Amino acid sequence: MSTAISLTATLRLTPEAELPDGIAAISAFCAAMRSEPGCTFAHAMQENENPRQFILWE
């Protein structure tokens, strides 16, 4: 029997980080997670009110 684990995390880009670079890095991170064995879902959503903050679900 397998056990499902869910993860929710808040990611915040530092003020020094360029927003487009941060978005690309988070996108690549999610894609890499989805390729891991057992991972069925990995997605990040950008917050409307603070575009430097993201919610990550895995």
C-alpha atoms as a PDB file:
ATOM      1  CA  MET A   1       0.000   0.000   0.000  1.00  0.00           C
ATOM      2  CA  SER A   2       1.363   3.447  -0.927  1.00  0.00           C
ATOM      3  CA  THR A   3       0.905   6.567   1.124  1.00  0.00           C
ATOM      4  CA  ALA A   4       0.156   9.846  -0.632  1.00  0.00           C
ATOM      5  CA  ILE A   5       1.922  12.922   0.663  1.00  0.00           C
ATOM      6  CA  SER A   6       0.814  16.434  -0.228  1.00  0.00           C
ATOM      7  CA  LEU A   7       2.982  19.505   0.109  1.00  0.00           C
ATOM      8  CA  THR A   8       1.992  23.161   0.037  1.00  0.00           C
ATOM      9  CA  ALA A   9       4.720  25.791   0.190  1.00  0.00           C
ATOM     10  CA  THR A  10       4.985  29.532  -0.172  1.00  0.00           C
ATOM     11  CA  LEU A  11       7.880  30.722  -2.314  1.00  0.00           C
ATOM     12  CA  ARG A  12       8.990  34.357  -2.266  1.00  0.00           C
ATOM     13  CA  LEU A  13      11.479  35.849  -4.682  1.00  0.00           C
ATOM     14  CA  THR A  14      14.049  38.135  -3.099  1.00  0.00           C
ATOM     15  CA  PRO A  15      14.024  41.795  -4.170  1.00  0.00           C
ATOM     16  CA  GLU A  16      17.313  41.196  -5.995  1.00  0.00           C
ATOM     17  CA  ALA A  17      15.839  38.446  -8.192  1.00  0.00           C
ATOM     18  CA  GLU A  18      14.561  39.404 -11.619  1.00  0.00           C
ATOM     19  CA  LEU A  19      10.883  38.393 -11.807  1.00  0.00           C
ATOM     20  CA  PRO A  20      11.087  36.698 -15.254  1.00  0.00           C
ATOM     21  CA  ASP A  21      14.140  34.700 -14.106  1.00  0.00           C
ATOM     22  CA  GLY A  22      12.347  33.667 -10.912  1.00  0.00           C
ATOM     23  CA  ILE A  23       9.268  32.560 -12.818  1.00  0.00           C
ATOM     24  CA  ALA A  24      11.443  30.509 -15.199  1.00  0.00           C
ATOM     25  CA  ALA A  25      13.295  28.882 -12.291  1.00  0.00           C
ATOM     26  CA  ILE A  26      10.063  27.983 -10.484  1.00  0.00           C
ATOM     27  CA  SER A  27       8.629  26.578 -13.715  1.00  0.00           C
ATOM     28  CA  ALA A  28      11.742  24.442 -14.250  1.00  0.00           C
ATOM     29  CA  PHE A  29      11.618  23.290 -10.616  1.00  0.00           C
ATOM     30  CA  CYS A  30       7.996  22.132 -11.021  1.00  0.00           C
ATOM     31  CA  ALA A  31       8.828  20.341 -14.281  1.00  0.00           C
ATOM     32  CA  ALA A  32      11.731  18.548 -12.582  1.00  0.00           C
ATOM     33  CA  MET A  33       9.501  17.513  -9.668  1.00  0.00           C
ATOM     34  CA  ARG A  34       6.879  16.104 -12.052  1.00  0.00           C
ATOM     35  CA  SER A  35       9.553  13.866 -13.580  1.00  0.00           C
ATOM     36  CA  GLU A  36      10.394  12.312 -10.193  1.00  0.00           C
ATOM     37  CA  PRO A  37       9.022   8.805  -9.560  1.00  0.00           C
ATOM     38  CA  GLY A  38       5.792   8.921  -7.582  1.00  0.00           C
ATOM     39  CA  CYS A  39       5.084  12.607  -8.188  1.00  0.00           C
ATOM     40  CA  THR A  40       1.623  12.988  -9.698  1.00  0.00           C
ATOM     41  CA  PHE A  41       1.235  16.772  -9.502  1.00  0.00           C
ATOM     42  CA  ALA A  42       3.524  19.796  -9.111  1.00  0.00           C
ATOM     43  CA  HIS A  43       2.217  23.275  -9.836  1.00  0.00           C
ATOM     44  CA  ALA A  44       2.983  26.822  -8.742  1.00  0.00           C
ATOM     45  CA  MET A  45       0.528  29.716  -8.788  1.00  0.00           C
ATOM     46  CA  GLN A  46       1.664  33.338  -8.780  1.00  0.00           C
ATOM     47  CA  GLU A  47      -0.165  35.577  -6.316  1.00  0.00           C
ATOM     48  CA  ASN A  48      -2.107  38.471  -7.853  1.00  0.00           C
ATOM     49  CA  GLU A  49      -1.460  40.961  -5.063  1.00  0.00           C
ATOM     50  CA  ASN A  50       2.234  40.118  -4.706  1.00  0.00           C
ATOM     51  CA  PRO A  51       3.691  38.869  -7.994  1.00  0.00           C
ATOM     52  CA  ARG A  52       6.945  37.936  -6.217  1.00  0.00           C
ATOM     53  CA  GLN A  53       5.105  35.347  -4.127  1.00  0.00           C
ATOM     54  CA  PHE A  54       4.036  31.886  -5.304  1.00  0.00           C
ATOM     55  CA  ILE A  55       2.091  28.994  -3.810  1.00  0.00           C
ATOM     56  CA  LEU A  56       3.500  25.595  -4.725  1.00  0.00           C
ATOM     57  CA  TRP A  57       1.482  22.377  -4.578  1.00  0.00           C
ATOM     58  CA  GLU A  58       2.983  18.945  -4.956  1.00  0.00           C
END
